[in-house]
């Protein structure tokens, strides 16, 4: 497993403990590189986006999601 996937999984587990979830950009056609690979953090109870939907959906990076966990949710950083 790649380091990126390990970081994603750790972050998903930490967010789940704090009633949030991490969603990744859905698969798209190869010619639509405009979207890129991004993330959104969603609060489970209200199903509202907490991070990653400012200019367009899924515009947060994995580092921003880790910072969100540390700063706003109060969880431990998802370091490898």
Protein backbone atom coordinates (compact mmCIF):
# COMPACT_ATOMS: atom_id res chain seq x y z
CA UNK A 1 0.00 0.00 0.00
CA UNK A 2 1.22 3.45 -0.81
CA UNK A 3 1.99 6.06 1.78
CA UNK A 4 -0.83 8.24 0.47
CA UNK A 5 -3.41 5.49 0.92
CA UNK A 6 -2.17 4.80 4.46
CA UNK A 7 -2.52 8.50 5.32
CA UNK A 8 -6.04 8.55 3.85
CA UNK A 9 -7.12 5.51 5.86
CA UNK A 10 -5.71 6.90 9.12
CA UNK A 11 -7.43 10.20 8.51
CA UNK A 12 -10.73 8.43 7.75
CA UNK A 13 -10.52 6.53 11.05
CA UNK A 14 -9.69 9.65 13.08
CA UNK A 15 -12.49 11.64 11.46
CA UNK A 16 -14.97 8.81 12.03
CA UNK A 17 -14.25 8.99 15.76
CA UNK A 18 -15.31 12.65 15.66
CA UNK A 19 -18.47 12.11 13.56
CA UNK A 20 -16.99 13.30 10.28
CA UNK A 21 -16.10 11.47 7.09
CA UNK A 22 -13.55 11.97 4.33
CA UNK A 23 -14.70 11.75 0.73
CA UNK A 24 -12.42 11.68 -2.28
CA UNK A 25 -13.15 13.02 -5.76
CA UNK A 26 -15.22 10.52 -7.73
CA UNK A 27 -13.58 8.90 -10.74
CA UNK A 28 -13.85 10.97 -13.88
CA UNK A 29 -12.87 10.64 -17.49
CA UNK A 30 -9.14 11.08 -18.16
CA UNK A 31 -9.75 14.19 -20.26
CA UNK A 32 -11.38 16.07 -17.37
CA UNK A 33 -8.19 16.95 -15.51
CA UNK A 34 -9.81 20.20 -14.34
CA UNK A 35 -11.14 18.44 -11.25
CA UNK A 36 -7.95 16.80 -10.02
CA UNK A 37 -7.84 14.55 -6.98
CA UNK A 38 -9.25 16.37 -3.99
CA UNK A 39 -11.08 15.71 -0.75
CA UNK A 40 -14.09 16.91 1.25
CA UNK A 41 -14.67 16.52 4.99
CA UNK A 42 -18.35 16.04 5.75
CA UNK A 43 -20.07 16.22 9.14
CA UNK A 44 -22.17 13.06 9.58
CA UNK A 45 -25.14 14.32 11.60
CA UNK A 46 -26.08 17.24 9.38
CA UNK A 47 -24.49 15.89 6.19
CA UNK A 48 -22.93 19.31 5.63
CA UNK A 49 -19.53 20.01 4.11
CA UNK A 50 -17.02 21.14 6.72
CA UNK A 51 -14.02 21.45 4.38
CA UNK A 52 -13.36 21.16 0.67
CA UNK A 53 -16.12 22.99 -1.15
CA UNK A 54 -14.98 26.60 -1.43
CA UNK A 55 -14.44 27.21 -5.17
CA UNK A 56 -15.58 23.83 -6.42
CA UNK A 57 -16.42 20.45 -4.88
CA UNK A 58 -13.48 18.43 -3.58
CA UNK A 59 -10.98 21.28 -3.60
CA UNK A 60 -9.19 20.43 -0.32
CA UNK A 61 -5.88 18.59 -0.20
CA UNK A 62 -5.02 15.74 2.15
CA UNK A 63 -2.79 18.10 4.16
CA UNK A 64 -5.67 20.54 4.61
CA UNK A 65 -7.91 17.71 5.82
CA UNK A 66 -5.25 16.67 8.36
CA UNK A 67 -4.97 20.28 9.54
CA UNK A 68 -8.77 20.45 9.86
CA UNK A 69 -8.73 17.37 12.07
CA UNK A 70 -6.09 18.86 14.34
CA UNK A 71 -7.45 22.40 14.50
CA UNK A 72 -11.23 22.18 14.41
CA UNK A 73 -12.17 18.68 15.48
CA UNK A 74 -9.48 18.35 18.15
CA UNK A 75 -8.21 14.94 17.06
CA UNK A 76 -4.67 13.75 16.75
CA UNK A 77 -2.90 14.43 13.46
CA UNK A 78 -2.94 11.52 11.05
CA UNK A 79 0.84 11.22 10.77
CA UNK A 80 2.30 8.04 9.31
